[in-house]
C-alpha atoms as a PDB file:
ATOM      1  CA  MET A   1      12.333  44.657  -6.004  1.00  0.00           C
ATOM      2  CA  ARG A   2      11.332  42.797  -2.834  1.00  0.00           C
ATOM      3  CA  ARG A   3       7.715  42.622  -3.981  1.00  0.00           C
ATOM      4  CA  ARG A   4       8.679  40.987  -7.274  1.00  0.00           C
ATOM      5  CA  TRP A   5      10.886  38.500  -5.460  1.00  0.00           C
ATOM      6  CA  LEU A   6       8.096  37.672  -2.983  1.00  0.00           C
ATOM      7  CA  GLY A   7       5.624  37.280  -5.849  1.00  0.00           C
ATOM      8  CA  PHE A   8       8.036  34.964  -7.657  1.00  0.00           C
ATOM      9  CA  VAL A   9       8.577  32.851  -4.528  1.00  0.00           C
ATOM     10  CA  LEU A  10       4.820  32.549  -3.914  1.00  0.00           C
ATOM     11  CA  PHE A  11       4.260  31.593  -7.546  1.00  0.00           C
ATOM     12  CA  CYS A  12       6.932  28.877  -7.329  1.00  0.00           C
ATOM     13  CA  MET A  13       5.468  27.573  -4.097  1.00  0.00           C
ATOM     14  CA  SER A  14       2.040  27.273  -5.676  1.00  0.00           C
ATOM     15  CA  LEU A  15       3.530  25.274  -8.546  1.00  0.00           C
ATOM     16  CA  CYS A  16       5.414  23.002  -6.165  1.00  0.00           C
ATOM     17  CA  THR A  17       2.326  22.391  -4.088  1.00  0.00           C
ATOM     18  CA  GLY A  18       0.447  21.346  -7.199  1.00  0.00           C
ATOM     19  CA  VAL A  19       3.095  18.777  -8.106  1.00  0.00           C
ATOM     20  CA  PHE A  20       4.718  17.801  -4.848  1.00  0.00           C
ATOM     21  CA  GLY A  21       1.826  18.368  -2.461  1.00  0.00           C
ATOM     22  CA  GLN A  22      -0.101  15.372  -3.749  1.00  0.00           C
ATOM     23  CA  SER A  23       0.158  12.085  -1.950  1.00  0.00           C
ATOM     24  CA  ALA A  24      -1.508   8.732  -1.529  1.00  0.00           C
ATOM     25  CA  HIS A  25      -1.818   6.438   1.458  1.00  0.00           C
ATOM     26  CA  LEU A  26      -1.703   2.638   1.683  1.00  0.00           C
ATOM     27  CA  LEU A  27      -3.562   1.471   4.773  1.00  0.00           C
ATOM     28  CA  LEU A  28      -3.291  -2.151   5.931  1.00  0.00           C
ATOM     29  CA  SER A  29      -6.063  -3.316   8.253  1.00  0.00           C
ATOM     30  CA  SER A  30      -5.496  -4.980  11.611  1.00  0.00           C
ATOM     31  CA  GLU A  31      -7.489  -8.133  12.315  1.00  0.00           C
ATOM     32  CA  ARG A  32      -8.111 -10.835  14.904  1.00  0.00           C
ATOM     33  CA  ALA A  33      -7.152 -14.344  13.761  1.00  0.00           C
ATOM     34  CA  ALA A  34      -9.582 -17.225  14.159  1.00  0.00           C
ATOM     35  CA  THR A  35      -8.538 -20.542  15.648  1.00  0.00           C
ATOM     36  CA  SER A  36      -7.336 -21.593  12.183  1.00  0.00           C
ATOM     37  CA  ARG A  37      -4.548 -18.959  12.539  1.00  0.00           C
ATOM     38  CA  THR A  38      -5.462 -17.571   9.082  1.00  0.00           C
ATOM     39  CA  VAL A  39      -6.628 -14.002   8.660  1.00  0.00           C
ATOM     40  CA  LEU A  40      -7.594 -11.857   5.697  1.00  0.00           C
ATOM     41  CA  LEU A  41      -6.089  -8.358   5.854  1.00  0.00           C
ATOM     42  CA  LYS A  42      -7.330  -5.556   3.618  1.00  0.00           C
ATOM     43  CA  LEU A  43      -5.019  -3.072   1.910  1.00  0.00           C
ATOM     44  CA  TRP A  44      -6.753   0.203   1.106  1.00  0.00           C
ATOM     45  CA  LEU A  45      -5.604   2.988  -1.211  1.00  0.00           C
ATOM     46  CA  ASP A  46      -6.539   6.471  -0.102  1.00  0.00           C
ATOM     47  CA  ALA A  47      -5.661   9.052  -2.759  1.00  0.00           C
ATOM     48  CA  PRO A  48      -7.640  12.207  -1.996  1.00  0.00           C
ATOM     49  CA  THR A  49      -6.393  14.401  -4.836  1.00  0.00           C
ATOM     50  CA  ILE A  50      -5.031  12.194  -7.604  1.00  0.00           C
ATOM     51  CA  SER A  51      -4.956   8.453  -8.338  1.00  0.00           C
ATOM     52  CA  PRO A  52      -1.887   6.456  -9.404  1.00  0.00           C
ATOM     53  CA  ALA A  53      -1.537   4.379 -12.559  1.00  0.00           C
ATOM     54  CA  GLY A  54       0.809   1.906 -10.846  1.00  0.00           C
ATOM     55  CA  LEU A  55       1.736   0.905  -7.301  1.00  0.00           C
ATOM     56  CA  GLN A  56       4.478  -1.037  -5.583  1.00  0.00           C
ATOM     57  CA  TRP A  57       4.880  -1.976  -1.916  1.00  0.00           C
ATOM     58  CA  THR A  58       6.542  -4.505   0.379  1.00  0.00           C
ATOM     59  CA  PHE A  59       5.110  -6.310   3.395  1.00  0.00           C
ATOM     60  CA  VAL A  60       7.873  -7.078   5.899  1.00  0.00           C
ATOM     61  CA  TYR A  61       7.442  -9.988   8.311  1.00  0.00           C
ATOM     62  CA  LEU A  62       9.289 -12.498  10.462  1.00  0.00           C
ATOM     63  CA  PRO A  63       9.259 -16.019   8.939  1.00  0.00           C
ATOM     64  CA  SER A  64       9.214 -17.460  12.481  1.00  0.00           C
ATOM     65  CA  GLN A  65       5.837 -15.745  13.027  1.00  0.00           C
ATOM     66  CA  ILE A  66       4.150 -16.054   9.629  1.00  0.00           C
ATOM     67  CA  ARG A  67       3.881 -19.394   7.880  1.00  0.00           C
ATOM     68  CA  GLU A  68       2.239 -18.196   4.669  1.00  0.00           C
ATOM     69  CA  ILE A  69       1.304 -14.935   2.961  1.00  0.00           C
ATOM     70  CA  ALA A  70      -0.529 -14.373  -0.333  1.00  0.00           C
ATOM     71  CA  ALA A  71      -2.417 -11.513  -2.017  1.00  0.00           C
ATOM     72  CA  LEU A  72      -5.160 -10.954  -4.578  1.00  0.00           C
ATOM     73  CA  GLY A  73      -5.954  -7.707  -6.373  1.00  0.00           C
ATOM     74  CA  GLY A  74      -9.079  -5.861  -5.276  1.00  0.00           C
ATOM     75  CA  PRO A  75     -11.827  -4.300  -7.419  1.00  0.00           C
ATOM     76  CA  PRO A  76     -10.017  -1.002  -8.225  1.00  0.00           C
ATOM     77  CA  VAL A  77      -7.033  -2.966  -9.578  1.00  0.00           C
ATOM     78  CA  HIS A  78      -9.235  -5.112 -11.839  1.00  0.00           C
ATOM     79  CA  GLU A  79     -11.396  -2.163 -12.939  1.00  0.00           C
ATOM     80  CA  ALA A  80      -8.230  -0.365 -14.090  1.00  0.00           C
ATOM     81  CA  HIS A  81      -7.199  -3.491 -16.056  1.00  0.00           C
ATOM     82  CA  LYS A  82      -4.071  -3.893 -13.926  1.00  0.00           C
ATOM     83  CA  SER A  83      -2.531  -7.042 -12.527  1.00  0.00           C
ATOM     84  CA  LEU A  84      -1.185  -7.667  -9.046  1.00  0.00           C
ATOM     85  CA  THR A  85       2.027  -9.661  -8.976  1.00  0.00           C
ATOM     86  CA  CYS A  86       3.723 -10.552  -5.702  1.00  0.00           C
ATOM     87  CA  VAL A  87       7.008 -12.277  -4.937  1.00  0.00           C
ATOM     88  CA  ASN A  88       7.742 -13.901  -1.598  1.00  0.00           C
ATOM     89  CA  GLN A  89      11.311 -13.451  -0.403  1.00  0.00           C
ATOM     90  CA  PRO A  90      12.764 -14.173   3.021  1.00  0.00           C
ATOM     91  CA  ARG A  91      11.219 -11.602   5.385  1.00  0.00           C
ATOM     92  CA  ALA A  92       9.572  -9.651   2.530  1.00  0.00           C
ATOM     93  CA  PHE A  93       6.498 -10.035   0.333  1.00  0.00           C
ATOM     94  CA  LYS A  94       6.857  -7.573  -2.562  1.00  0.00           C
ATOM     95  CA  CYS A  95       3.857  -6.573  -4.676  1.00  0.00           C
ATOM     96  CA  LEU A  96       3.503  -4.622  -7.920  1.00  0.00           C
ATOM     97  CA  SER A  97       0.242  -3.514  -9.498  1.00  0.00           C
ATOM     98  CA  ILE A  98       0.666  -2.352 -13.084  1.00  0.00           C
ATOM     99  CA  GLY A  99      -0.815  -2.775 -16.551  1.00  0.00           C
ATOM    100  CA  LEU A 100      -0.083  -1.938 -20.168  1.00  0.00           C
ATOM    101  CA  ASN A 101      -2.331   1.115 -20.030  1.00  0.00           C
ATOM    102  CA  ALA A 102      -2.512   4.543 -18.425  1.00  0.00           C
ATOM    103  CA  ASN A 103      -5.706   3.799 -16.472  1.00  0.00           C
ATOM    104  CA  VAL A 104      -5.640   5.002 -12.891  1.00  0.00           C
ATOM    105  CA  ILE A 105      -6.237   2.819  -9.850  1.00  0.00           C
ATOM    106  CA  GLU A 106      -9.086   4.458  -7.990  1.00  0.00           C
ATOM    107  CA  PRO A 107      -9.094   4.640  -4.186  1.00  0.00           C
ATOM    108  CA  GLY A 108     -10.546   1.630  -2.427  1.00  0.00           C
ATOM    109  CA  LEU A 109      -9.726  -1.944  -1.480  1.00  0.00           C
ATOM    110  CA  ILE A 110      -6.737  -2.685  -3.717  1.00  0.00           C
ATOM    111  CA  ALA A 111      -5.618  -6.014  -2.233  1.00  0.00           C
ATOM    112  CA  LEU A 112      -6.764  -8.828   0.011  1.00  0.00           C
ATOM    113  CA  VAL A 113      -3.837 -10.325   1.895  1.00  0.00           C
ATOM    114  CA  ARG A 114      -4.183 -13.827   3.358  1.00  0.00           C
ATOM    115  CA  VAL A 115      -1.812 -14.420   6.278  1.00  0.00           C
ATOM    116  CA  THR A 116      -1.346 -17.679   8.190  1.00  0.00           C
ATOM    117  CA  LEU A 117       0.370 -17.424  11.555  1.00  0.00           C
ATOM    118  CA  ALA A 118       2.987 -19.973  12.575  1.00  0.00           C
ATOM    119  CA  PRO A 119       1.998 -22.367  15.378  1.00  0.00           C
ATOM    120  CA  GLY A 120       2.242 -20.781  18.820  1.00  0.00           C
ATOM    121  CA  VAL A 121       2.215 -17.201  17.523  1.00  0.00           C
ATOM    122  CA  THR A 122      -0.570 -15.040  18.921  1.00  0.00           C
ATOM    123  CA  ASN A 123       0.519 -11.524  17.904  1.00  0.00           C
ATOM    124  CA  THR A 124       2.478 -10.126  14.997  1.00  0.00           C
ATOM    125  CA  GLU A 125       2.789  -6.998  12.927  1.00  0.00           C
ATOM    126  CA  ILE A 126       3.184  -6.509   9.199  1.00  0.00           C
ATOM    127  CA  PRO A 127       4.634  -3.131   8.220  1.00  0.00           C
ATOM    128  CA  VAL A 128       4.107  -1.832   4.696  1.00  0.00           C
ATOM    129  CA  TYR A 129       7.459  -0.518   3.442  1.00  0.00           C
ATOM    130  CA  ASN A 130       8.882   1.013   0.267  1.00  0.00           C
ATOM    131  CA  ALA A 131       5.504   2.076  -1.087  1.00  0.00           C
ATOM    132  CA  VAL A 132       5.866   3.960  -4.366  1.00  0.00           C
ATOM    133  CA  SER A 133       3.499   4.853  -7.162  1.00  0.00           C
ATOM    134  CA  VAL A 134       3.489   6.459 -10.556  1.00  0.00           C
ATOM    135  CA  LEU A 135       0.950   8.738 -12.187  1.00  0.00           C
ATOM    136  CA  ALA A 136      -0.342   8.207 -15.713  1.00  0.00           C
ATOM    137  CA  ASN A 137       2.037  10.946 -16.926  1.00  0.00           C
ATOM    138  CA  GLY A 138       5.067   9.109 -15.503  1.00  0.00           C
ATOM    139  CA  ARG A 139       5.603  11.315 -12.464  1.00  0.00           C
ATOM    140  CA  GLU A 140       6.084   9.818  -9.025  1.00  0.00           C
ATOM    141  CA  LEU A 141       3.286  10.126  -6.490  1.00  0.00           C
ATOM    142  CA  VAL A 142       4.352  10.143  -2.843  1.00  0.00           C
ATOM    143  CA  VAL A 143       2.883   7.218  -0.890  1.00  0.00           C
ATOM    144  CA  ASP A 144       2.922   6.720   2.842  1.00  0.00           C
ATOM    145  CA  SER A 145       1.846   3.561   4.620  1.00  0.00           C
ATOM    146  CA  ASN A 146       1.154   1.985   7.995  1.00  0.00           C
ATOM    147  CA  VAL A 147       1.559  -1.234   9.985  1.00  0.00           C
ATOM    148  CA  GLY A 148      -1.103  -3.928  10.175  1.00  0.00           C
ATOM    149  CA  PHE A 149      -1.453  -6.047  13.330  1.00  0.00           C
ATOM    150  CA  ILE A 150      -2.723  -9.594  13.793  1.00  0.00           C
ATOM    151  CA  HIS A 151      -3.887 -10.803  17.192  1.00  0.00           C
ATOM    152  CA  GLN A 152      -5.111 -14.260  18.163  1.00  0.00           C
ATOM    153  CA  ASP A 153      -6.579 -15.071  21.535  1.00  0.00           C
ATOM    154  CA  ARG A 154      -5.014 -18.084  23.207  1.00  0.00           C
ATOM    155  CA  PRO A 155      -7.417 -21.030  23.265  1.00  0.00           C
ATOM    156  CA  GLU A 156      -8.753 -21.815  26.738  1.00  0.00           C
END
């Protein structure tokens, strides 16, 4: 009886790993700002086992440190015939990449994010929060994310 139970548990674990063991990663680059205080950050999708059909994420920032933030979809978004729509709210820049199709967004550079620092700011961070994605079959794909940093040397 124990052997059957162990076999059943191992079988269930293998099924769960196939569904729940898959994940994707959103990786925001860290960059050095030029004297213009504007920097272009890159948001990369790393999905080693399976690619999503839609993505959503939020950049969180302090309005006292960042004057402007904007994003454009990268090649994998356009190749999948998806759009990138972002909404700027106080302290949050929320983005959604979807389309009226089941095409997957392949790993790669999925967004270019232009950030302009406020005057006097030399360092800031932009965490990527609430990242979620959906597979073409409607199931959720777990997404983890990181924090991007911007550093500007003080002029001499």
